[in-house]
Amino acid sequence: MLSRVEERAIHLIASGLQQAQVASILGVSPALISQWKSTEEFATTLEAATVEANKGDKEEVALTAKYHAAENALIDQVMALSPIAELRDVVAALRVVGERQDKTKTRLIPMNANPTTVNQTIVNLTLPSHSLPEFSINTDNQVVAIDTKSIAH
């Protein structure tokens, strides 16, 4: 029986990450992952997960290509008809394209996925206070000016 960490490692490796990356994400050593890979159960499960991931990738590529072709055809028609079309019709057509792109983004992250969040400090920057801009705030706590430049209407 595989542990949750081993199952997570299988998922990450099958999705294309390198062994060292997976080890870093899971907080284990690359040597431990090598040991897991040498067990029959882990290796068999990893192979099945990799095949499934590749199958899904091919389907995704084909579907994405169809969507791109449809988008391009729609945008070409919108461009050709834009001089004589009503603005609301052009906006509606572009809204369809935008909604499809939003759905693609959400489809790429499965609803049942449990993404791992890795928080790392890349750069810690300390600035002297005189180099920071001065913000002017109104009574509603809205920024109305930065330094001497007004941004309020």
N, C-alpha and C. Protein backbone atom coordinates (compact mmCIF):
# COMPACT_ATOMS: atom_id res chain seq x y z
N MET A 1 0.85 -1.18 0.00
CA MET A 1 0.00 0.00 0.00
C MET A 1 0.89 1.24 0.00
N LEU A 2 0.67 2.14 -0.95
CA LEU A 2 1.46 3.35 -1.08
C LEU A 2 1.00 4.41 -0.08
N SER A 3 1.95 5.16 0.46
CA SER A 3 1.61 6.26 1.37
C SER A 3 1.11 7.45 0.54
N ARG A 4 0.55 8.43 1.24
CA ARG A 4 0.07 9.64 0.55
C ARG A 4 1.23 10.37 -0.11
N VAL A 5 2.40 10.37 0.54
CA VAL A 5 3.57 11.05 -0.02
C VAL A 5 4.02 10.33 -1.29
N GLU A 6 4.00 9.01 -1.28
CA GLU A 6 4.39 8.26 -2.47
C GLU A 6 3.40 8.49 -3.61
N GLU A 7 2.10 8.54 -3.28
CA GLU A 7 1.08 8.82 -4.30
C GLU A 7 1.27 10.21 -4.89
N ARG A 8 1.58 11.17 -4.03
CA ARG A 8 1.82 12.53 -4.50
C ARG A 8 3.06 12.57 -5.40
N ALA A 9 4.10 11.82 -5.02
CA ALA A 9 5.31 11.75 -5.84
C ALA A 9 4.99 11.17 -7.21
N ILE A 10 4.17 10.14 -7.25
CA ILE A 10 3.78 9.53 -8.53
C ILE A 10 3.06 10.56 -9.39
N HIS A 11 2.13 11.29 -8.80
CA HIS A 11 1.38 12.30 -9.55
C HIS A 11 2.32 13.37 -10.13
N LEU A 12 3.26 13.83 -9.31
CA LEU A 12 4.18 14.88 -9.76
C LEU A 12 5.14 14.39 -10.84
N ILE A 13 5.67 13.18 -10.67
CA ILE A 13 6.58 12.63 -11.68
C ILE A 13 5.83 12.39 -12.98
N ALA A 14 4.61 11.85 -12.88
CA ALA A 14 3.82 11.59 -14.09
C ALA A 14 3.45 12.88 -14.82
N SER A 15 3.37 13.97 -14.08
CA SER A 15 3.03 15.25 -14.72
C SER A 15 4.23 15.91 -15.36
N GLY A 16 5.42 15.28 -15.24
CA GLY A 16 6.58 15.78 -15.97
C GLY A 16 7.67 16.42 -15.14
N LEU A 17 7.51 16.48 -13.83
CA LEU A 17 8.56 17.08 -13.01
C LEU A 17 9.73 16.13 -12.84
N GLN A 18 10.91 16.70 -12.68
CA GLN A 18 12.12 15.92 -12.45
C GLN A 18 12.14 15.40 -11.02
N GLN A 19 12.88 14.33 -10.81
CA GLN A 19 12.96 13.69 -9.51
C GLN A 19 13.44 14.65 -8.43
N ALA A 20 14.42 15.48 -8.73
CA ALA A 20 14.93 16.45 -7.75
C ALA A 20 13.87 17.49 -7.40
N GLN A 21 13.08 17.91 -8.39
CA GLN A 21 12.01 18.88 -8.14
C GLN A 21 10.95 18.27 -7.23
N VAL A 22 10.60 17.02 -7.51
CA VAL A 22 9.59 16.33 -6.70
C VAL A 22 10.09 16.18 -5.27
N ALA A 23 11.34 15.82 -5.11
CA ALA A 23 11.92 15.67 -3.78
C ALA A 23 11.85 16.99 -3.02
N SER A 24 12.15 18.09 -3.70
CA SER A 24 12.11 19.40 -3.07
C SER A 24 10.69 19.77 -2.65
N ILE A 25 9.73 19.51 -3.51
CA ILE A 25 8.33 19.82 -3.21
C ILE A 25 7.83 19.02 -2.02
N LEU A 26 8.19 17.74 -1.98
CA LEU A 26 7.69 16.85 -0.93
C LEU A 26 8.51 16.90 0.35
N GLY A 27 9.68 17.53 0.28
CA GLY A 27 10.52 17.61 1.46
C GLY A 27 11.22 16.29 1.79
N VAL A 28 11.53 15.51 0.76
CA VAL A 28 12.25 14.25 0.94
C VAL A 28 13.52 14.31 0.10
N SER A 29 14.37 13.33 0.26
CA SER A 29 15.61 13.32 -0.53
C SER A 29 15.37 12.64 -1.87
N PRO A 30 16.11 13.04 -2.89
CA PRO A 30 16.02 12.36 -4.19
C PRO A 30 16.35 10.87 -4.07
N ALA A 31 17.21 10.52 -3.11
CA ALA A 31 17.56 9.11 -2.92
C ALA A 31 16.35 8.31 -2.46
N LEU A 32 15.49 8.91 -1.63
CA LEU A 32 14.29 8.21 -1.19
C LEU A 32 13.36 7.95 -2.36
N ILE A 33 13.24 8.93 -3.24
CA ILE A 33 12.40 8.73 -4.43
C ILE A 33 12.98 7.62 -5.30
N SER A 34 14.28 7.55 -5.42
CA SER A 34 14.92 6.46 -6.17
C SER A 34 14.60 5.11 -5.54
N GLN A 35 14.59 5.07 -4.22
CA GLN A 35 14.24 3.82 -3.53
C GLN A 35 12.79 3.44 -3.82
N TRP A 36 11.90 4.42 -3.79
CA TRP A 36 10.50 4.14 -4.09
C TRP A 36 10.35 3.60 -5.51
N LYS A 37 11.09 4.22 -6.44
CA LYS A 37 10.99 3.81 -7.85
C LYS A 37 11.47 2.37 -8.06
N SER A 38 12.30 1.88 -7.16
CA SER A 38 12.80 0.51 -7.32
C SER A 38 11.82 -0.53 -6.81
N THR A 39 10.75 -0.10 -6.12
CA THR A 39 9.75 -1.07 -5.66
C THR A 39 8.75 -1.32 -6.78
N GLU A 40 8.25 -2.54 -6.83
CA GLU A 40 7.35 -2.94 -7.92
C GLU A 40 6.05 -2.16 -7.90
N GLU A 41 5.45 -2.00 -6.72
CA GLU A 41 4.17 -1.31 -6.63
C GLU A 41 4.27 0.14 -7.09
N PHE A 42 5.32 0.83 -6.63
CA PHE A 42 5.52 2.23 -7.02
C PHE A 42 5.75 2.33 -8.52
N ALA A 43 6.64 1.48 -9.05
CA ALA A 43 6.97 1.53 -10.48
C ALA A 43 5.75 1.24 -11.35
N THR A 44 4.95 0.27 -10.96
CA THR A 44 3.74 -0.08 -11.73
C THR A 44 2.73 1.06 -11.69
N THR A 45 2.53 1.63 -10.51
CA THR A 45 1.58 2.74 -10.38
C THR A 45 2.07 3.96 -11.14
N LEU A 46 3.37 4.24 -11.09
CA LEU A 46 3.95 5.37 -11.82
C LEU A 46 3.77 5.18 -13.33
N GLU A 47 4.00 3.98 -13.82
CA GLU A 47 3.85 3.72 -15.26
C GLU A 47 2.40 3.95 -15.70
N ALA A 48 1.45 3.46 -14.91
CA ALA A 48 0.03 3.66 -15.24
C ALA A 48 -0.34 5.15 -15.21
N ALA A 49 0.17 5.87 -14.22
CA ALA A 49 -0.13 7.30 -14.12
C ALA A 49 0.48 8.07 -15.27
N THR A 50 1.68 7.69 -15.70
CA THR A 50 2.35 8.36 -16.82
C THR A 50 1.58 8.13 -18.11
N VAL A 51 1.11 6.89 -18.34
CA VAL A 51 0.32 6.59 -19.53
C VAL A 51 -0.97 7.41 -19.53
N GLU A 52 -1.62 7.48 -18.38
CA GLU A 52 -2.87 8.25 -18.26
C GLU A 52 -2.62 9.74 -18.49
N ALA A 53 -1.53 10.26 -17.95
CA ALA A 53 -1.20 11.68 -18.15
C ALA A 53 -0.93 11.97 -19.61
N ASN A 54 -0.21 11.09 -20.29
CA ASN A 54 0.09 11.28 -21.71
C ASN A 54 -1.17 11.21 -22.56
N LYS A 55 -2.08 10.31 -22.20
CA LYS A 55 -3.35 10.19 -22.92
C LYS A 55 -4.16 11.48 -22.78
N GLY A 56 -4.22 11.99 -21.55
CA GLY A 56 -4.93 13.24 -21.31
C GLY A 56 -4.29 14.41 -22.04
N ASP A 57 -2.97 14.43 -22.11
CA ASP A 57 -2.26 15.49 -22.81
C ASP A 57 -2.60 15.49 -24.29
N LYS A 58 -2.65 14.32 -24.91
CA LYS A 58 -2.98 14.24 -26.34
C LYS A 58 -4.39 14.72 -26.61
N GLU A 59 -5.33 14.34 -25.74
CA GLU A 59 -6.71 14.80 -25.89
C GLU A 59 -6.80 16.30 -25.71
N GLU A 60 -6.07 16.81 -24.75
CA GLU A 60 -6.07 18.25 -24.48
C GLU A 60 -5.50 19.02 -25.66
N VAL A 61 -4.43 18.52 -26.24
CA VAL A 61 -3.81 19.17 -27.39
C VAL A 61 -4.78 19.22 -28.56
N ALA A 62 -5.46 18.11 -28.83
CA ALA A 62 -6.41 18.06 -29.94
C ALA A 62 -7.57 19.03 -29.70
N LEU A 63 -8.10 19.04 -28.50
CA LEU A 63 -9.22 19.93 -28.18
C LEU A 63 -8.80 21.39 -28.25
N THR A 64 -7.63 21.70 -27.73
CA THR A 64 -7.13 23.06 -27.76
C THR A 64 -6.92 23.54 -29.20
N ALA A 65 -6.42 22.65 -30.06
CA ALA A 65 -6.22 23.02 -31.47
C ALA A 65 -7.56 23.35 -32.13
N LYS A 66 -8.59 22.57 -31.83
CA LYS A 66 -9.92 22.84 -32.39
C LYS A 66 -10.45 24.19 -31.90
N TYR A 67 -10.28 24.46 -30.61
CA TYR A 67 -10.74 25.74 -30.07
C TYR A 67 -10.00 26.91 -30.70
N HIS A 68 -8.69 26.76 -30.88
CA HIS A 68 -7.91 27.84 -31.49
C HIS A 68 -8.37 28.09 -32.93
N ALA A 69 -8.64 27.02 -33.67
CA ALA A 69 -9.12 27.18 -35.04
C ALA A 69 -10.46 27.90 -35.07
N ALA A 70 -11.36 27.52 -34.16
CA ALA A 70 -12.67 28.18 -34.09
C ALA A 70 -12.54 29.65 -33.68
N GLU A 71 -11.66 29.92 -32.72
CA GLU A 71 -11.42 31.31 -32.30
C GLU A 71 -10.90 32.14 -33.45
N ASN A 72 -9.92 31.60 -34.17
CA ASN A 72 -9.35 32.34 -35.29
C ASN A 72 -10.39 32.62 -36.36
N ALA A 73 -11.24 31.64 -36.65
CA ALA A 73 -12.29 31.85 -37.65
C ALA A 73 -13.27 32.93 -37.18
N LEU A 74 -13.64 32.87 -35.90
CA LEU A 74 -14.56 33.87 -35.36
C LEU A 74 -13.95 35.26 -35.38
N ILE A 75 -12.70 35.36 -34.95
CA ILE A 75 -12.03 36.67 -34.93
C ILE A 75 -11.86 37.21 -36.35
N ASP A 76 -11.54 36.35 -37.32
CA ASP A 76 -11.44 36.79 -38.71
C ASP A 76 -12.77 37.35 -39.20
N GLN A 77 -13.88 36.68 -38.86
CA GLN A 77 -15.20 37.16 -39.27
C GLN A 77 -15.54 38.48 -38.58
N VAL A 78 -15.20 38.58 -37.29
CA VAL A 78 -15.47 39.83 -36.57
C VAL A 78 -14.68 40.97 -37.21
N MET A 79 -13.42 40.73 -37.53
CA MET A 79 -12.60 41.77 -38.16
C MET A 79 -13.15 42.17 -39.52
N ALA A 80 -13.59 41.19 -40.29
CA ALA A 80 -14.11 41.49 -41.63
C ALA A 80 -15.42 42.27 -41.55
N LEU A 81 -16.23 41.95 -40.55
CA LEU A 81 -17.55 42.59 -40.46
C LEU A 81 -17.57 43.81 -39.54
N SER A 82 -16.48 44.08 -38.85
CA SER A 82 -16.48 45.17 -37.87
C SER A 82 -16.83 46.54 -38.46
N PRO A 83 -16.44 46.87 -39.71
CA PRO A 83 -16.82 48.19 -40.22
C PRO A 83 -18.33 48.36 -40.38
N ILE A 84 -19.05 47.26 -40.59
CA ILE A 84 -20.49 47.38 -40.82
C ILE A 84 -21.32 46.79 -39.69
N ALA A 85 -20.69 46.17 -38.71
CA ALA A 85 -21.41 45.51 -37.63
C ALA A 85 -21.73 46.49 -36.51
N GLU A 86 -22.74 46.14 -35.75
CA GLU A 86 -23.08 46.91 -34.56
C GLU A 86 -22.03 46.62 -33.49
N LEU A 87 -21.72 47.60 -32.69
CA LEU A 87 -20.73 47.44 -31.65
C LEU A 87 -21.11 46.33 -30.68
N ARG A 88 -22.41 46.23 -30.34
CA ARG A 88 -22.84 45.20 -29.40
C ARG A 88 -22.59 43.80 -29.95
N ASP A 89 -22.70 43.62 -31.28
CA ASP A 89 -22.45 42.31 -31.89
C ASP A 89 -20.96 41.97 -31.83
N VAL A 90 -20.11 42.95 -32.07
CA VAL A 90 -18.67 42.73 -31.99
C VAL A 90 -18.28 42.37 -30.57
N VAL A 91 -18.82 43.12 -29.60
CA VAL A 91 -18.53 42.85 -28.19
C VAL A 91 -19.01 41.46 -27.80
N ALA A 92 -20.19 41.07 -28.25
CA ALA A 92 -20.72 39.74 -27.92
C ALA A 92 -19.83 38.64 -28.48
N ALA A 93 -19.35 38.81 -29.70
CA ALA A 93 -18.47 37.80 -30.29
C ALA A 93 -17.16 37.70 -29.53
N LEU A 94 -16.60 38.84 -29.16
CA LEU A 94 -15.36 38.83 -28.39
C LEU A 94 -15.56 38.26 -26.99
N ARG A 95 -16.75 38.47 -26.43
CA ARG A 95 -17.06 37.90 -25.12
C ARG A 95 -17.06 36.37 -25.20
N VAL A 96 -17.57 35.81 -26.29
CA VAL A 96 -17.57 34.36 -26.47
C VAL A 96 -16.14 33.83 -26.46
N VAL A 97 -15.25 34.51 -27.17
CA VAL A 97 -13.85 34.09 -27.22
C VAL A 97 -13.23 34.18 -25.82
N GLY A 98 -13.48 35.28 -25.12
CA GLY A 98 -12.93 35.45 -23.77
C GLY A 98 -13.45 34.41 -22.79
N GLU A 99 -14.75 34.10 -22.86
CA GLU A 99 -15.32 33.08 -21.97
C GLU A 99 -14.71 31.72 -22.25
N ARG A 100 -14.47 31.41 -23.51
CA ARG A 100 -13.86 30.13 -23.87
C ARG A 100 -12.45 30.05 -23.32
N GLN A 101 -11.72 31.14 -23.39
CA GLN A 101 -10.36 31.15 -22.85
C GLN A 101 -10.38 30.97 -21.34
N ASP A 102 -11.36 31.58 -20.65
CA ASP A 102 -11.48 31.40 -19.21
C ASP A 102 -11.79 29.95 -18.87
N LYS A 103 -12.68 29.32 -19.65
CA LYS A 103 -13.02 27.92 -19.40
C LYS A 103 -11.82 27.02 -19.63
N THR A 104 -10.99 27.36 -20.61
CA THR A 104 -9.79 26.57 -20.86
C THR A 104 -8.86 26.64 -19.66
N LYS A 105 -8.71 27.81 -19.10
CA LYS A 105 -7.84 27.97 -17.93
C LYS A 105 -8.35 27.13 -16.77
N THR A 106 -9.66 27.15 -16.51
CA THR A 106 -10.19 26.37 -15.39
C THR A 106 -10.16 24.88 -15.69
N ARG A 107 -10.26 24.49 -16.96
CA ARG A 107 -10.22 23.07 -17.32
C ARG A 107 -8.81 22.51 -17.14
N LEU A 108 -7.80 23.34 -17.31
CA LEU A 108 -6.42 22.88 -17.14
C LEU A 108 -6.09 22.59 -15.69
N ILE A 109 -6.86 23.15 -14.75
CA ILE A 109 -6.68 22.86 -13.34
C ILE A 109 -7.91 22.08 -12.90
N PRO A 110 -7.83 20.75 -12.81
CA PRO A 110 -9.00 19.95 -12.47
C PRO A 110 -9.60 20.36 -11.13
N MET A 111 -10.92 20.26 -11.03
CA MET A 111 -11.62 20.65 -9.82
C MET A 111 -11.18 19.83 -8.61
N ASN A 112 -10.85 18.56 -8.82
CA ASN A 112 -10.48 17.70 -7.71
C ASN A 112 -8.98 17.74 -7.43
N ALA A 113 -8.27 18.60 -8.15
CA ALA A 113 -6.82 18.70 -7.95
C ALA A 113 -6.55 19.30 -6.59
N ASN A 114 -5.48 18.89 -6.00
CA ASN A 114 -5.07 19.42 -4.72
C ASN A 114 -3.69 20.00 -4.90
N PRO A 115 -3.60 21.21 -5.48
CA PRO A 115 -2.28 21.76 -5.81
C PRO A 115 -1.45 22.00 -4.57
N THR A 116 -0.16 21.81 -4.72
CA THR A 116 0.78 22.05 -3.64
C THR A 116 1.30 23.47 -3.78
N THR A 117 1.22 24.20 -2.70
CA THR A 117 1.72 25.57 -2.69
C THR A 117 3.09 25.57 -2.03
N VAL A 118 4.04 26.12 -2.72
CA VAL A 118 5.38 26.23 -2.18
C VAL A 118 5.68 27.71 -2.00
N ASN A 119 5.91 28.11 -0.76
CA ASN A 119 6.24 29.50 -0.48
C ASN A 119 7.73 29.59 -0.24
N GLN A 120 8.39 30.39 -1.05
CA GLN A 120 9.81 30.59 -0.89
C GLN A 120 10.11 32.08 -1.01
N THR A 121 11.02 32.57 -0.18
CA THR A 121 11.46 33.94 -0.31
C THR A 121 12.53 33.98 -1.38
N ILE A 122 12.26 34.68 -2.44
CA ILE A 122 13.21 34.79 -3.53
C ILE A 122 14.20 35.91 -3.24
N VAL A 123 13.67 37.08 -2.90
CA VAL A 123 14.52 38.24 -2.62
C VAL A 123 13.91 38.98 -1.45
N ASN A 124 14.75 39.35 -0.50
CA ASN A 124 14.32 40.19 0.59
C ASN A 124 14.95 41.55 0.36
N LEU A 125 14.12 42.55 0.09
CA LEU A 125 14.60 43.86 -0.31
C LEU A 125 14.27 44.88 0.77
N THR A 126 15.25 45.61 1.22
CA THR A 126 15.06 46.67 2.19
C THR A 126 15.39 47.99 1.53
N LEU A 127 14.41 48.92 1.56
CA LEU A 127 14.60 50.23 0.94
C LEU A 127 14.60 51.30 2.01
N PRO A 128 15.39 52.35 1.83
CA PRO A 128 15.33 53.46 2.78
C PRO A 128 13.98 54.17 2.65
N SER A 129 13.49 54.69 3.74
CA SER A 129 12.16 55.29 3.74
C SER A 129 12.05 56.48 2.80
N HIS A 130 13.15 57.21 2.56
CA HIS A 130 13.08 58.38 1.68
C HIS A 130 12.91 57.99 0.21
N SER A 131 13.12 56.71 -0.13
CA SER A 131 12.97 56.30 -1.53
C SER A 131 11.57 55.80 -1.85
N LEU A 132 10.71 55.66 -0.84
CA LEU A 132 9.35 55.20 -1.06
C LEU A 132 8.46 56.37 -1.44
N PRO A 133 7.49 56.15 -2.32
CA PRO A 133 6.60 57.25 -2.69
C PRO A 133 5.66 57.59 -1.53
N GLU A 134 5.18 58.83 -1.55
CA GLU A 134 4.23 59.27 -0.54
C GLU A 134 2.83 59.16 -1.12
N PHE A 135 1.95 58.48 -0.41
CA PHE A 135 0.58 58.28 -0.87
C PHE A 135 -0.32 59.25 -0.12
N SER A 136 -1.21 59.93 -0.89
CA SER A 136 -2.21 60.79 -0.28
C SER A 136 -3.53 60.04 -0.31
N ILE A 137 -4.18 59.95 0.85
CA ILE A 137 -5.40 59.17 0.98
C ILE A 137 -6.53 60.09 1.41
N ASN A 138 -7.73 59.90 0.81
CA ASN A 138 -8.89 60.72 1.18
C ASN A 138 -9.60 60.11 2.39
N THR A 139 -10.73 60.66 2.78
CA THR A 139 -11.44 60.20 3.98
C THR A 139 -12.03 58.80 3.80
N ASP A 140 -12.17 58.33 2.57
CA ASP A 140 -12.69 56.98 2.30
C ASP A 140 -11.57 55.96 2.17
N ASN A 141 -10.34 56.34 2.57
CA ASN A 141 -9.15 55.48 2.48
C ASN A 141 -8.83 55.07 1.04
N GLN A 142 -9.08 55.98 0.12
CA GLN A 142 -8.74 55.75 -1.28
C GLN A 142 -7.50 56.58 -1.62
N VAL A 143 -6.58 55.99 -2.37
CA VAL A 143 -5.39 56.72 -2.78
C VAL A 143 -5.79 57.73 -3.84
N VAL A 144 -5.47 59.00 -3.60
CA VAL A 144 -5.85 60.05 -4.54
C VAL A 144 -4.63 60.70 -5.20
N ALA A 145 -3.43 60.44 -4.63
CA ALA A 145 -2.21 60.99 -5.22
C ALA A 145 -1.01 60.16 -4.79
N ILE A 146 -0.04 60.08 -5.69
CA ILE A 146 1.22 59.43 -5.38
C ILE A 146 2.30 60.48 -5.61
N ASP A 147 3.03 60.76 -4.56
CA ASP A 147 3.97 61.88 -4.53
C ASP A 147 3.19 63.14 -4.91
N THR A 148 3.57 63.80 -6.00
CA THR A 148 2.87 65.04 -6.38
C THR A 148 1.88 64.81 -7.51
N LYS A 149 1.74 63.58 -7.95
CA LYS A 149 0.86 63.29 -9.09
C LYS A 149 -0.51 62.85 -8.61
N SER A 150 -1.53 63.62 -8.98
CA SER A 150 -2.90 63.30 -8.59
C SER A 150 -3.43 62.18 -9.47
N ILE A 151 -4.15 61.24 -8.87
CA ILE A 151 -4.79 60.19 -9.66
C ILE A 151 -6.29 60.23 -9.52
N ALA A 152 -6.79 61.21 -8.76
CA ALA A 152 -8.24 61.37 -8.56
C ALA A 152 -8.82 62.14 -9.74
N HIS A 153 -10.06 61.83 -10.05
CA HIS A 153 -10.76 62.52 -11.15
C HIS A 153 -11.56 63.67 -10.64
